[in-house]
Protein backbone atom coordinates (compact mmCIF):
# COMPACT_ATOMS: atom_id res chain seq x y z
CA UNK A 1 105.23 77.08 112.81
CA UNK A 2 103.65 80.43 111.94
CA UNK A 3 102.12 82.84 114.45
CA UNK A 4 100.62 86.29 114.27
CA UNK A 5 102.07 88.37 117.11
CA UNK A 6 100.18 91.60 116.38
CA UNK A 7 97.61 92.80 113.86
CA UNK A 8 95.45 95.89 113.40
CA UNK A 9 94.28 97.96 110.42
CA UNK A 10 97.76 99.53 110.09
CA UNK A 11 100.26 96.78 110.79
CA UNK A 12 100.87 93.04 110.91
CA UNK A 13 103.67 91.31 112.84
CA UNK A 14 104.21 87.58 112.53
CA UNK A 15 106.89 85.03 113.35
CA UNK A 16 107.93 82.06 111.25
CA UNK A 17 109.76 79.25 113.03
CA UNK A 18 111.30 76.34 111.12
CA UNK A 19 113.93 73.77 112.13
CA UNK A 20 115.24 75.83 115.04
CA UNK A 21 115.46 79.08 113.08
CA UNK A 22 113.01 81.95 113.32
CA UNK A 23 112.25 85.29 111.71
CA UNK A 24 109.94 88.12 112.79
CA UNK A 25 108.32 90.17 110.00
CA UNK A 26 106.58 93.50 110.65
CA UNK A 27 104.64 95.26 107.88
CA UNK A 28 103.13 98.76 107.97
CA UNK A 29 100.53 99.69 105.34
CA UNK A 30 99.87 103.27 106.48
CA UNK A 31 101.55 106.60 105.71
CA UNK A 32 102.92 107.12 109.22
CA UNK A 33 105.61 105.40 111.28
CA UNK A 34 104.27 102.78 113.69
CA UNK A 35 105.83 101.63 116.97
CA UNK A 36 104.74 98.18 118.12
CA UNK A 37 105.59 96.26 121.29
CA UNK A 38 105.15 92.50 120.84
CA UNK A 39 105.57 89.57 123.21
CA UNK A 40 107.83 86.88 121.80
CA UNK A 41 106.87 83.18 121.82
CA UNK A 42 108.65 80.97 124.34
CA UNK A 43 111.01 79.47 121.73
CA UNK A 44 112.54 82.86 120.92
CA UNK A 45 115.34 84.51 122.88
CA UNK A 46 114.97 88.26 123.10
CA UNK A 47 118.71 88.77 123.54
CA UNK A 48 119.41 87.40 120.07
CA UNK A 49 117.05 89.68 118.11
CA UNK A 50 118.81 91.50 115.28
CA UNK A 51 117.43 93.37 112.27
CA UNK A 52 118.25 91.46 109.10
CA UNK A 53 116.52 93.78 106.63
CA UNK A 54 114.36 96.90 106.96
CA UNK A 55 113.04 99.92 105.17
CA UNK A 56 115.13 102.97 106.07
CA UNK A 57 114.39 103.96 109.66
CA UNK A 58 113.09 100.52 110.69
CA UNK A 59 114.39 98.92 113.88
CA UNK A 60 113.73 96.20 116.45
CA UNK A 61 114.97 96.72 120.01
CA UNK A 62 114.83 94.77 123.24
CA UNK A 63 111.77 95.65 125.28
CA UNK A 64 110.73 94.83 128.82
CA UNK A 65 110.54 91.15 129.81
CA UNK A 66 110.26 88.90 126.77
CA UNK A 67 109.13 91.63 124.37
CA UNK A 68 110.65 93.61 121.53
CA UNK A 69 109.84 97.13 120.37
CA UNK A 70 109.59 97.38 116.61
CA UNK A 71 109.60 100.69 114.74
CA UNK A 72 108.19 100.26 111.23
CA UNK A 73 108.47 103.20 108.82
CA UNK A 74 105.48 104.41 106.79
CA UNK A 75 104.65 101.84 104.08
CA UNK A 76 107.65 99.86 105.30
CA UNK A 77 108.82 96.62 106.85
CA UNK A 78 111.25 95.21 109.39
CA UNK A 79 112.60 91.67 109.28
CA UNK A 80 114.42 90.50 112.40
CA UNK A 81 116.04 87.19 113.26
CA UNK A 82 118.75 85.77 115.48
């Protein structure tokens, strides 16, 4: 399963779900930091979100409800999973 969670002309956030495991990938193609709030699909548990790999300064934090707040550095990425 592959889903786009957010996309605009600066950033793309998608989730890949396979055999009970999932990963969220956020990419920023602009020269400024981008903060993005995304709603998670029903199969994902917000409490288990943890950054696996990121450009320096990247982060993914619990948001309100079933959302996460992702901070993606300029020209950077954040990869989060459980």
